[in-house]
Each structure stands twice: as C-alpha cells, then as structure tokens.
Amino acid sequence: MADLNVLGLALLARALAAGGGAFGRHEALLALLREDAWAALAAAARGGGLAALAGACQAALALYCTLGSAVLLQARAGGRGGPPICL
C-alpha cells in the first residue's frame, strides 16, 4: 500500500507541474486542490515511511508552485485538522 501512495504522490506532483496555470481556469478542480489536497497529503505522509513523506513534500511544493500563496493558508491551517506538513 505504501508503494501505491508514493506512486500516487509522484503522479500528483507531475500532473500539477504539467498543468501549471491551467488549474486556475477550472474552479471546481481548483477548489478540490485547495480543500482536499492538504488532508490527503498529510494522511499519505503519516502512513507511508520516508518515501511517502518525500513524495508528500514534493507534491506540496508542486501545489505551492502551481497555486501560489493561496494554498499556504490551507497548509498552515493543516487542511482539515491535521498537522501542517513540510512547512
């Protein structure tokens, strides 16, 4: 299961990097990334060892590079009650 988490995190980071500014044109997808991505990243980072933590940090960086400072508020708040990761 941990390998699937690492693969999923790597795919998320690549998709964010490839999509770039296009995410800003799709409000529903943008809202999903803002609201649910941090909680999912925190959950994956907590349960998958060092590789999953590294993948979560890579995906968090990709989220920041894609969405800018608007996503930092979610990271500092810890998503949905979880601890902030990689910040």
N, C-alpha and C. Protein backbone atom coordinates (compact mmCIF):
# COMPACT_ATOMS: atom_id res chain seq x y z
N MET A 1 0.82 -1.19 0.00
CA MET A 1 0.00 0.00 0.00
C MET A 1 0.87 1.26 0.00
N ALA A 2 1.98 1.21 0.71
CA ALA A 2 2.86 2.38 0.77
C ALA A 2 3.42 2.72 -0.61
N ASP A 3 3.71 1.69 -1.40
CA ASP A 3 4.22 1.94 -2.75
C ASP A 3 3.19 2.65 -3.62
N LEU A 4 1.93 2.30 -3.44
CA LEU A 4 0.87 2.97 -4.20
C LEU A 4 0.74 4.43 -3.78
N ASN A 5 0.90 4.70 -2.48
CA ASN A 5 0.87 6.08 -2.01
C ASN A 5 2.00 6.90 -2.63
N VAL A 6 3.18 6.33 -2.67
CA VAL A 6 4.33 7.02 -3.24
C VAL A 6 4.11 7.26 -4.73
N LEU A 7 3.60 6.27 -5.44
CA LEU A 7 3.30 6.43 -6.86
C LEU A 7 2.24 7.52 -7.07
N GLY A 8 1.19 7.49 -6.27
CA GLY A 8 0.13 8.49 -6.38
C GLY A 8 0.64 9.90 -6.11
N LEU A 9 1.50 10.05 -5.12
CA LEU A 9 2.08 11.36 -4.81
C LEU A 9 2.96 11.86 -5.95
N ALA A 10 3.74 10.95 -6.53
CA ALA A 10 4.59 11.33 -7.66
C ALA A 10 3.74 11.74 -8.87
N LEU A 11 2.66 11.01 -9.11
CA LEU A 11 1.77 11.37 -10.22
C LEU A 11 1.09 12.71 -9.97
N LEU A 12 0.69 12.98 -8.73
CA LEU A 12 0.09 14.27 -8.40
C LEU A 12 1.07 15.40 -8.64
N ALA A 13 2.30 15.23 -8.19
CA ALA A 13 3.31 16.28 -8.40
C ALA A 13 3.56 16.53 -9.88
N ARG A 14 3.63 15.47 -10.67
CA ARG A 14 3.86 15.63 -12.11
C ARG A 14 2.68 16.28 -12.80
N ALA A 15 1.47 15.90 -12.40
CA ALA A 15 0.27 16.49 -13.00
C ALA A 15 0.18 17.97 -12.68
N LEU A 16 0.51 18.34 -11.45
CA LEU A 16 0.50 19.76 -11.08
C LEU A 16 1.54 20.54 -11.86
N ALA A 17 2.71 19.95 -12.01
CA ALA A 17 3.76 20.63 -12.78
C ALA A 17 3.38 20.77 -14.24
N ALA A 18 2.78 19.73 -14.80
CA ALA A 18 2.40 19.77 -16.21
C ALA A 18 1.22 20.71 -16.46
N GLY A 19 0.26 20.74 -15.53
CA GLY A 19 -0.92 21.57 -15.69
C GLY A 19 -0.65 23.05 -15.51
N GLY A 20 0.25 23.36 -14.61
CA GLY A 20 0.63 24.75 -14.36
C GLY A 20 -0.55 25.67 -14.15
N GLY A 21 -0.59 26.76 -14.89
CA GLY A 21 -1.62 27.77 -14.74
C GLY A 21 -3.00 27.36 -15.22
N ALA A 22 -3.11 26.23 -15.89
CA ALA A 22 -4.40 25.79 -16.39
C ALA A 22 -5.37 25.46 -15.26
N PHE A 23 -4.85 25.14 -14.08
CA PHE A 23 -5.72 24.83 -12.96
C PHE A 23 -6.54 26.05 -12.55
N GLY A 24 -6.01 27.24 -12.74
CA GLY A 24 -6.71 28.46 -12.38
C GLY A 24 -7.97 28.71 -13.19
N ARG A 25 -8.08 28.05 -14.33
CA ARG A 25 -9.26 28.23 -15.20
C ARG A 25 -10.39 27.27 -14.89
N HIS A 26 -10.18 26.34 -14.00
CA HIS A 26 -11.18 25.33 -13.65
C HIS A 26 -11.48 25.43 -12.16
N GLU A 27 -12.53 26.16 -11.83
CA GLU A 27 -12.85 26.45 -10.44
C GLU A 27 -13.09 25.20 -9.61
N ALA A 28 -13.78 24.22 -10.16
CA ALA A 28 -14.08 23.01 -9.39
C ALA A 28 -12.80 22.25 -9.04
N LEU A 29 -11.91 22.12 -9.99
CA LEU A 29 -10.64 21.44 -9.74
C LEU A 29 -9.78 22.24 -8.78
N LEU A 30 -9.77 23.53 -8.93
CA LEU A 30 -9.02 24.41 -8.04
C LEU A 30 -9.54 24.31 -6.61
N ALA A 31 -10.84 24.27 -6.45
CA ALA A 31 -11.43 24.13 -5.11
C ALA A 31 -11.07 22.78 -4.50
N LEU A 32 -11.08 21.73 -5.30
CA LEU A 32 -10.71 20.41 -4.81
C LEU A 32 -9.27 20.41 -4.32
N LEU A 33 -8.38 21.01 -5.09
CA LEU A 33 -6.98 21.07 -4.69
C LEU A 33 -6.81 21.88 -3.41
N ARG A 34 -7.52 22.98 -3.30
CA ARG A 34 -7.40 23.83 -2.11
C ARG A 34 -7.96 23.15 -0.87
N GLU A 35 -9.09 22.48 -1.01
CA GLU A 35 -9.78 21.95 0.16
C GLU A 35 -9.32 20.56 0.59
N ASP A 36 -9.09 19.68 -0.35
CA ASP A 36 -8.83 18.29 -0.01
C ASP A 36 -7.39 17.83 -0.15
N ALA A 37 -6.60 18.56 -0.89
CA ALA A 37 -5.24 18.07 -1.18
C ALA A 37 -4.37 18.01 0.07
N TRP A 38 -4.47 19.01 0.95
CA TRP A 38 -3.59 19.03 2.13
C TRP A 38 -3.91 17.89 3.08
N ALA A 39 -5.19 17.60 3.27
CA ALA A 39 -5.56 16.49 4.15
C ALA A 39 -5.07 15.16 3.57
N ALA A 40 -5.19 15.00 2.28
CA ALA A 40 -4.72 13.77 1.63
C ALA A 40 -3.20 13.66 1.70
N LEU A 41 -2.50 14.77 1.50
CA LEU A 41 -1.04 14.75 1.59
C LEU A 41 -0.59 14.40 3.00
N ALA A 42 -1.24 14.99 4.00
CA ALA A 42 -0.87 14.70 5.39
C ALA A 42 -1.12 13.24 5.73
N ALA A 43 -2.22 12.69 5.28
CA ALA A 43 -2.53 11.29 5.55
C ALA A 43 -1.52 10.36 4.87
N ALA A 44 -1.15 10.67 3.65
CA ALA A 44 -0.18 9.83 2.94
C ALA A 44 1.20 9.94 3.57
N ALA A 45 1.56 11.14 4.03
CA ALA A 45 2.88 11.33 4.62
C ALA A 45 3.01 10.62 5.96
N ARG A 46 1.92 10.57 6.72
CA ARG A 46 1.97 9.95 8.04
C ARG A 46 2.07 8.43 7.99
N GLY A 47 1.54 7.82 6.96
CA GLY A 47 1.44 6.37 6.97
C GLY A 47 2.36 5.62 6.05
N GLY A 48 3.27 6.26 5.35
CA GLY A 48 3.99 5.52 4.34
C GLY A 48 5.50 5.53 4.44
N GLY A 49 6.06 5.96 5.52
CA GLY A 49 7.50 5.94 5.66
C GLY A 49 8.16 7.14 5.00
N LEU A 50 9.46 7.06 4.88
CA LEU A 50 10.26 8.17 4.38
C LEU A 50 9.97 8.49 2.91
N ALA A 51 9.74 7.48 2.10
CA ALA A 51 9.46 7.72 0.68
C ALA A 51 8.14 8.47 0.50
N ALA A 52 7.15 8.11 1.29
CA ALA A 52 5.86 8.81 1.21
C ALA A 52 5.98 10.24 1.73
N LEU A 53 6.77 10.45 2.77
CA LEU A 53 6.98 11.80 3.27
C LEU A 53 7.68 12.66 2.22
N ALA A 54 8.68 12.10 1.56
CA ALA A 54 9.37 12.84 0.50
C ALA A 54 8.42 13.14 -0.66
N GLY A 55 7.58 12.18 -1.02
CA GLY A 55 6.60 12.40 -2.08
C GLY A 55 5.58 13.45 -1.70
N ALA A 56 5.15 13.45 -0.43
CA ALA A 56 4.20 14.46 0.03
C ALA A 56 4.82 15.85 -0.01
N CYS A 57 6.07 15.95 0.38
CA CYS A 57 6.76 17.25 0.31
C CYS A 57 6.92 17.71 -1.14
N GLN A 58 7.21 16.79 -2.02
CA GLN A 58 7.33 17.13 -3.44
C GLN A 58 5.99 17.60 -4.00
N ALA A 59 4.92 16.92 -3.63
CA ALA A 59 3.59 17.32 -4.09
C ALA A 59 3.18 18.65 -3.46
N ALA A 60 3.55 18.88 -2.20
CA ALA A 60 3.24 20.15 -1.55
C ALA A 60 3.96 21.30 -2.25
N LEU A 61 5.20 21.08 -2.63
CA LEU A 61 5.94 22.10 -3.37
C LEU A 61 5.29 22.36 -4.73
N ALA A 62 4.86 21.30 -5.39
CA ALA A 62 4.18 21.46 -6.68
C ALA A 62 2.87 22.23 -6.51
N LEU A 63 2.14 21.95 -5.42
CA LEU A 63 0.91 22.70 -5.14
C LEU A 63 1.22 24.18 -4.95
N TYR A 64 2.26 24.47 -4.19
CA TYR A 64 2.62 25.88 -3.96
C TYR A 64 3.05 26.55 -5.27
N CYS A 65 3.85 25.86 -6.07
CA CYS A 65 4.31 26.44 -7.33
C CYS A 65 3.15 26.66 -8.30
N THR A 66 2.14 25.81 -8.23
CA THR A 66 1.00 25.90 -9.13
C THR A 66 -0.02 26.92 -8.66
N LEU A 67 -0.37 26.89 -7.38
CA LEU A 67 -1.46 27.71 -6.86
C LEU A 67 -0.99 28.96 -6.13
N GLY A 68 0.28 29.05 -5.83
CA GLY A 68 0.81 30.24 -5.17
C GLY A 68 0.44 30.33 -3.71
N SER A 69 0.42 31.54 -3.20
CA SER A 69 0.27 31.74 -1.76
C SER A 69 -1.13 31.40 -1.25
N ALA A 70 -2.11 31.28 -2.11
CA ALA A 70 -3.46 30.95 -1.67
C ALA A 70 -3.51 29.58 -0.99
N VAL A 71 -2.65 28.68 -1.38
CA VAL A 71 -2.66 27.34 -0.81
C VAL A 71 -1.89 27.30 0.52
N LEU A 72 -1.08 28.29 0.80
CA LEU A 72 -0.35 28.30 2.07
C LEU A 72 -1.29 28.42 3.27
N LEU A 73 -2.40 29.10 3.10
CA LEU A 73 -3.36 29.20 4.20
C LEU A 73 -3.88 27.83 4.58
N GLN A 74 -4.14 26.99 3.61
CA GLN A 74 -4.58 25.63 3.90
C GLN A 74 -3.47 24.83 4.57
N ALA A 75 -2.24 25.02 4.13
CA ALA A 75 -1.13 24.27 4.71
C ALA A 75 -0.91 24.67 6.16
N ARG A 76 -1.00 25.96 6.44
CA ARG A 76 -0.79 26.42 7.82
C ARG A 76 -1.94 26.01 8.72
N ALA A 77 -3.11 25.96 8.18
CA ALA A 77 -4.26 25.52 8.97
C ALA A 77 -4.26 24.00 9.13
N GLY A 78 -3.47 23.33 8.35
CA GLY A 78 -3.38 21.88 8.45
C GLY A 78 -4.47 21.16 7.72
N GLY A 79 -5.02 21.78 6.70
CA GLY A 79 -6.09 21.12 5.96
C GLY A 79 -7.33 21.00 6.81
N ARG A 80 -7.73 19.79 7.09
CA ARG A 80 -8.93 19.55 7.90
C ARG A 80 -8.55 19.05 9.28
N GLY A 81 -7.78 19.83 9.98
CA GLY A 81 -7.47 19.48 11.36
C GLY A 81 -6.17 18.71 11.55
N GLY A 82 -5.54 18.29 10.49
CA GLY A 82 -4.28 17.57 10.63
C GLY A 82 -3.12 18.53 10.75
N PRO A 83 -1.96 18.04 11.12
CA PRO A 83 -0.81 18.94 11.25
C PRO A 83 -0.30 19.38 9.89
N PRO A 84 0.24 20.59 9.78
CA PRO A 84 0.82 21.00 8.52
C PRO A 84 2.05 20.17 8.21
N ILE A 85 2.30 19.94 6.94
CA ILE A 85 3.44 19.13 6.55
C ILE A 85 4.40 19.94 5.72
N CYS A 86 5.66 19.71 5.90
CA CYS A 86 6.72 20.26 5.06
C CYS A 86 6.75 21.78 5.03
N LEU A 87 6.21 22.44 5.99
CA LEU A 87 6.28 23.90 6.02
C LEU A 87 6.72 24.37 7.37
